Amino acid sequence: MTVALLSLVAIFASACAQAAPEPVFVEQGCEAFMNLKHISQEVEVPAGGILTVTLCSNPTTGFQWSENAEISNTQVIAQTEHRFTPPEEKNIVGGAGQEVWTFHALEPGQTTVYLEYSRPWEGGEKGEWTFTLTVTVK
């Protein structure tokens, strides 16, 4: 009985010791958007994994990225967070920071994440920059 119990504990411990999938990071800086206003990219994420998308942002210009990403298939991934990170260097008036979105990969499949950089008020420029990410969850 003791040997069987120890065997079960060992099996359970090894199953619990399996590491979570490595997070996947996608980043586009200001230079990329200056050269190409509409960027498309593809990425693979393991099921149960975390995807972090970081894009250049400068709210002092009146532009901002979509708060919530447009996700074509919400069965595949879900947005869990969105935040703005100011420039690393202090005292840079008008310096660009970053907007960061975090997604959780729910189940295998494919979806598209769409983000738009616009001036959100009525009459403001829309879709000045766009970022489309095709996500395949394995």
C-alpha atoms as a PDB file:
ATOM      1  CA  MET A   1       0.000   0.000   0.000  1.00  0.00           C
ATOM      2  CA  THR A   2       2.798   2.440   0.890  1.00  0.00           C
ATOM      3  CA  VAL A   3       4.629   1.734  -2.378  1.00  0.00           C
ATOM      4  CA  ALA A   4       1.442   2.302  -4.383  1.00  0.00           C
ATOM      5  CA  LEU A   5       0.754   5.553  -2.543  1.00  0.00           C
ATOM      6  CA  LEU A   6       4.318   6.774  -3.110  1.00  0.00           C
ATOM      7  CA  SER A   7       4.028   5.882  -6.813  1.00  0.00           C
ATOM      8  CA  LEU A   8       0.810   7.902  -7.124  1.00  0.00           C
ATOM      9  CA  VAL A   9       2.407  10.876  -5.352  1.00  0.00           C
ATOM     10  CA  ALA A  10       5.408  10.708  -7.705  1.00  0.00           C
ATOM     11  CA  ILE A  11       3.177  10.572 -10.804  1.00  0.00           C
ATOM     12  CA  PHE A  12       1.081  13.502  -9.542  1.00  0.00           C
ATOM     13  CA  ALA A  13       4.184  15.541  -8.688  1.00  0.00           C
ATOM     14  CA  SER A  14       5.703  15.023 -12.133  1.00  0.00           C
ATOM     15  CA  ALA A  15       2.421  16.019 -13.811  1.00  0.00           C
ATOM     16  CA  CYS A  16       2.268  19.183 -11.711  1.00  0.00           C
ATOM     17  CA  ALA A  17       5.906  19.977 -12.460  1.00  0.00           C
ATOM     18  CA  GLN A  18       5.215  20.447 -16.170  1.00  0.00           C
ATOM     19  CA  ALA A  19       6.020  24.043 -16.889  1.00  0.00           C
ATOM     20  CA  ALA A  20       3.483  26.439 -18.345  1.00  0.00           C
ATOM     21  CA  PRO A  21       4.103  27.274 -21.999  1.00  0.00           C
ATOM     22  CA  GLU A  22       6.601  30.054 -22.638  1.00  0.00           C
ATOM     23  CA  PRO A  23       4.864  33.385 -23.275  1.00  0.00           C
ATOM     24  CA  VAL A  24       4.906  34.660 -26.871  1.00  0.00           C
ATOM     25  CA  PHE A  25       5.796  38.310 -27.546  1.00  0.00           C
ATOM     26  CA  VAL A  26       5.035  40.397 -30.635  1.00  0.00           C
ATOM     27  CA  GLU A  27       6.351  43.966 -30.830  1.00  0.00           C
ATOM     28  CA  GLN A  28       6.290  46.730 -33.428  1.00  0.00           C
ATOM     29  CA  GLY A  29       8.062  50.044 -32.853  1.00  0.00           C
ATOM     30  CA  CYS A  30       7.331  53.491 -34.236  1.00  0.00           C
ATOM     31  CA  GLU A  31       9.878  53.104 -37.032  1.00  0.00           C
ATOM     32  CA  ALA A  32       7.984  50.135 -38.451  1.00  0.00           C
ATOM     33  CA  PHE A  33       4.738  52.140 -38.584  1.00  0.00           C
ATOM     34  CA  MET A  34       6.477  55.168 -40.092  1.00  0.00           C
ATOM     35  CA  ASN A  35       7.591  52.938 -42.970  1.00  0.00           C
ATOM     36  CA  LEU A  36       4.416  50.874 -43.322  1.00  0.00           C
ATOM     37  CA  LYS A  37       1.164  52.205 -41.850  1.00  0.00           C
ATOM     38  CA  HIS A  38      -0.709  48.902 -42.066  1.00  0.00           C
ATOM     39  CA  ILE A  39       1.223  45.936 -40.692  1.00  0.00           C
ATOM     40  CA  SER A  40       0.138  42.295 -40.825  1.00  0.00           C
ATOM     41  CA  GLN A  41       1.926  39.512 -39.024  1.00  0.00           C
ATOM     42  CA  GLU A  42       1.437  35.847 -38.071  1.00  0.00           C
ATOM     43  CA  VAL A  43       2.250  34.084 -34.820  1.00  0.00           C
ATOM     44  CA  GLU A  44       1.812  30.649 -33.211  1.00  0.00           C
ATOM     45  CA  VAL A  45       0.891  30.287 -29.536  1.00  0.00           C
ATOM     46  CA  PRO A  46       0.521  27.062 -27.558  1.00  0.00           C
ATOM     47  CA  ALA A  47      -2.920  26.330 -26.096  1.00  0.00           C
ATOM     48  CA  GLY A  48      -2.994  27.645 -22.537  1.00  0.00           C
ATOM     49  CA  GLY A  49      -0.229  30.105 -23.364  1.00  0.00           C
ATOM     50  CA  ILE A  50      -0.001  33.867 -23.088  1.00  0.00           C
ATOM     51  CA  LEU A  51       0.434  36.253 -26.027  1.00  0.00           C
ATOM     52  CA  THR A  52       1.654  39.812 -25.430  1.00  0.00           C
ATOM     53  CA  VAL A  53       1.394  42.423 -28.195  1.00  0.00           C
ATOM     54  CA  THR A  54       3.336  45.679 -27.762  1.00  0.00           C
ATOM     55  CA  LEU A  55       2.883  48.595 -30.189  1.00  0.00           C
ATOM     56  CA  CYS A  56       4.361  52.081 -30.349  1.00  0.00           C
ATOM     57  CA  SER A  57       1.989  54.757 -29.039  1.00  0.00           C
ATOM     58  CA  ASN A  58       2.171  58.494 -28.496  1.00  0.00           C
ATOM     59  CA  PRO A  59      -1.004  59.828 -26.863  1.00  0.00           C
ATOM     60  CA  THR A  60       0.386  63.401 -26.875  1.00  0.00           C
ATOM     61  CA  THR A  61      -0.509  63.449 -30.602  1.00  0.00           C
ATOM     62  CA  GLY A  62      -4.166  62.693 -29.836  1.00  0.00           C
ATOM     63  CA  PHE A  63      -3.840  59.233 -31.366  1.00  0.00           C
ATOM     64  CA  GLN A  64      -4.467  56.055 -29.435  1.00  0.00           C
ATOM     65  CA  TRP A  65      -4.831  52.370 -30.176  1.00  0.00           C
ATOM     66  CA  SER A  66      -8.114  50.515 -29.765  1.00  0.00           C
ATOM     67  CA  GLU A  67      -8.752  49.740 -26.101  1.00  0.00           C
ATOM     68  CA  ASN A  68     -10.140  46.333 -26.991  1.00  0.00           C
ATOM     69  CA  ALA A  69      -8.797  44.312 -29.871  1.00  0.00           C
ATOM     70  CA  GLU A  70     -11.219  43.076 -32.501  1.00  0.00           C
ATOM     71  CA  ILE A  71     -10.892  39.288 -32.265  1.00  0.00           C
ATOM     72  CA  SER A  72     -12.475  37.281 -35.097  1.00  0.00           C
ATOM     73  CA  ASN A  73     -12.835  34.058 -33.068  1.00  0.00           C
ATOM     74  CA  THR A  74     -13.151  34.579 -29.320  1.00  0.00           C
ATOM     75  CA  GLN A  75     -13.219  30.804 -28.787  1.00  0.00           C
ATOM     76  CA  VAL A  76      -9.485  30.722 -29.658  1.00  0.00           C
ATOM     77  CA  ILE A  77      -8.076  33.647 -27.639  1.00  0.00           C
ATOM     78  CA  ALA A  78      -9.336  36.194 -25.137  1.00  0.00           C
ATOM     79  CA  GLN A  79      -7.955  39.625 -24.285  1.00  0.00           C
ATOM     80  CA  THR A  80      -7.106  39.803 -20.583  1.00  0.00           C
ATOM     81  CA  GLU A  81      -5.366  43.184 -20.291  1.00  0.00           C
ATOM     82  CA  HIS A  82      -4.569  46.469 -22.033  1.00  0.00           C
ATOM     83  CA  ARG A  83      -2.259  49.132 -20.637  1.00  0.00           C
ATOM     84  CA  PHE A  84      -0.096  52.085 -21.649  1.00  0.00           C
ATOM     85  CA  THR A  85       3.574  52.169 -20.721  1.00  0.00           C
ATOM     86  CA  PRO A  86       5.168  55.654 -20.816  1.00  0.00           C
ATOM     87  CA  PRO A  87       8.594  56.274 -22.382  1.00  0.00           C
ATOM     88  CA  GLU A  88      11.474  54.764 -20.403  1.00  0.00           C
ATOM     89  CA  GLU A  89      13.410  58.020 -20.404  1.00  0.00           C
ATOM     90  CA  LYS A  90      11.911  60.645 -18.124  1.00  0.00           C
ATOM     91  CA  ASN A  91      11.365  64.279 -19.083  1.00  0.00           C
ATOM     92  CA  ILE A  92      10.928  63.633 -22.802  1.00  0.00           C
ATOM     93  CA  VAL A  93       8.088  65.899 -23.834  1.00  0.00           C
ATOM     94  CA  GLY A  94       6.034  64.231 -26.551  1.00  0.00           C
ATOM     95  CA  GLY A  95       8.041  60.999 -26.355  1.00  0.00           C
ATOM     96  CA  ALA A  96       6.426  57.799 -27.567  1.00  0.00           C
ATOM     97  CA  GLY A  97       5.537  55.037 -25.163  1.00  0.00           C
ATOM     98  CA  GLN A  98       3.946  51.666 -25.790  1.00  0.00           C
ATOM     99  CA  GLU A  99       0.513  50.121 -25.555  1.00  0.00           C
ATOM    100  CA  VAL A 100       0.473  46.516 -24.429  1.00  0.00           C
ATOM    101  CA  TRP A 101      -2.288  43.928 -24.828  1.00  0.00           C
ATOM    102  CA  THR A 102      -2.253  40.519 -23.194  1.00  0.00           C
ATOM    103  CA  PHE A 103      -4.211  37.556 -24.548  1.00  0.00           C
ATOM    104  CA  HIS A 104      -4.820  34.057 -23.219  1.00  0.00           C
ATOM    105  CA  ALA A 105      -4.785  31.215 -25.771  1.00  0.00           C
ATOM    106  CA  LEU A 106      -7.921  29.219 -25.007  1.00  0.00           C
ATOM    107  CA  GLU A 107      -8.066  26.368 -27.496  1.00  0.00           C
ATOM    108  CA  PRO A 108      -6.504  25.230 -30.776  1.00  0.00           C
ATOM    109  CA  GLY A 109      -7.627  27.117 -33.855  1.00  0.00           C
ATOM    110  CA  GLN A 110      -6.966  30.294 -35.785  1.00  0.00           C
ATOM    111  CA  THR A 111      -8.159  33.857 -35.235  1.00  0.00           C
ATOM    112  CA  THR A 112      -7.324  37.387 -36.257  1.00  0.00           C
ATOM    113  CA  VAL A 113      -6.547  40.236 -33.855  1.00  0.00           C
ATOM    114  CA  TYR A 114      -7.105  43.711 -35.304  1.00  0.00           C
ATOM    115  CA  LEU A 115      -6.007  46.996 -33.689  1.00  0.00           C
ATOM    116  CA  GLU A 116      -6.416  50.522 -35.030  1.00  0.00           C
ATOM    117  CA  TYR A 117      -4.489  53.696 -34.153  1.00  0.00           C
ATOM    118  CA  SER A 118      -6.854  56.643 -34.471  1.00  0.00           C
ATOM    119  CA  ARG A 119      -7.952  59.953 -33.030  1.00  0.00           C
ATOM    120  CA  PRO A 120     -11.098  58.692 -31.323  1.00  0.00           C
ATOM    121  CA  TRP A 121     -13.242  61.821 -31.375  1.00  0.00           C
ATOM    122  CA  GLU A 122     -15.891  62.486 -33.993  1.00  0.00           C
ATOM    123  CA  GLY A 123     -14.223  63.750 -37.150  1.00  0.00           C
ATOM    124  CA  GLY A 124     -10.795  62.525 -35.978  1.00  0.00           C
ATOM    125  CA  GLU A 125      -8.537  60.495 -38.269  1.00  0.00           C
ATOM    126  CA  LYS A 126      -9.380  56.802 -38.229  1.00  0.00           C
ATOM    127  CA  GLY A 127      -7.097  53.891 -39.006  1.00  0.00           C
ATOM    128  CA  GLU A 128      -3.957  55.998 -39.371  1.00  0.00           C
ATOM    129  CA  TRP A 129      -2.047  52.863 -38.436  1.00  0.00           C
ATOM    130  CA  THR A 130      -3.457  49.334 -38.268  1.00  0.00           C
ATOM    131  CA  PHE A 131      -2.041  46.113 -36.924  1.00  0.00           C
ATOM    132  CA  THR A 132      -3.495  42.769 -37.950  1.00  0.00           C
ATOM    133  CA  LEU A 133      -2.166  39.641 -36.259  1.00  0.00           C
ATOM    134  CA  THR A 134      -3.156  36.170 -37.426  1.00  0.00           C
ATOM    135  CA  VAL A 135      -2.889  33.910 -34.387  1.00  0.00           C
ATOM    136  CA  THR A 136      -2.705  30.135 -34.648  1.00  0.00           C
ATOM    137  CA  VAL A 137      -3.171  28.342 -31.347  1.00  0.00           C
ATOM    138  CA  LYS A 138      -1.664  24.832 -31.383  1.00  0.00           C
END
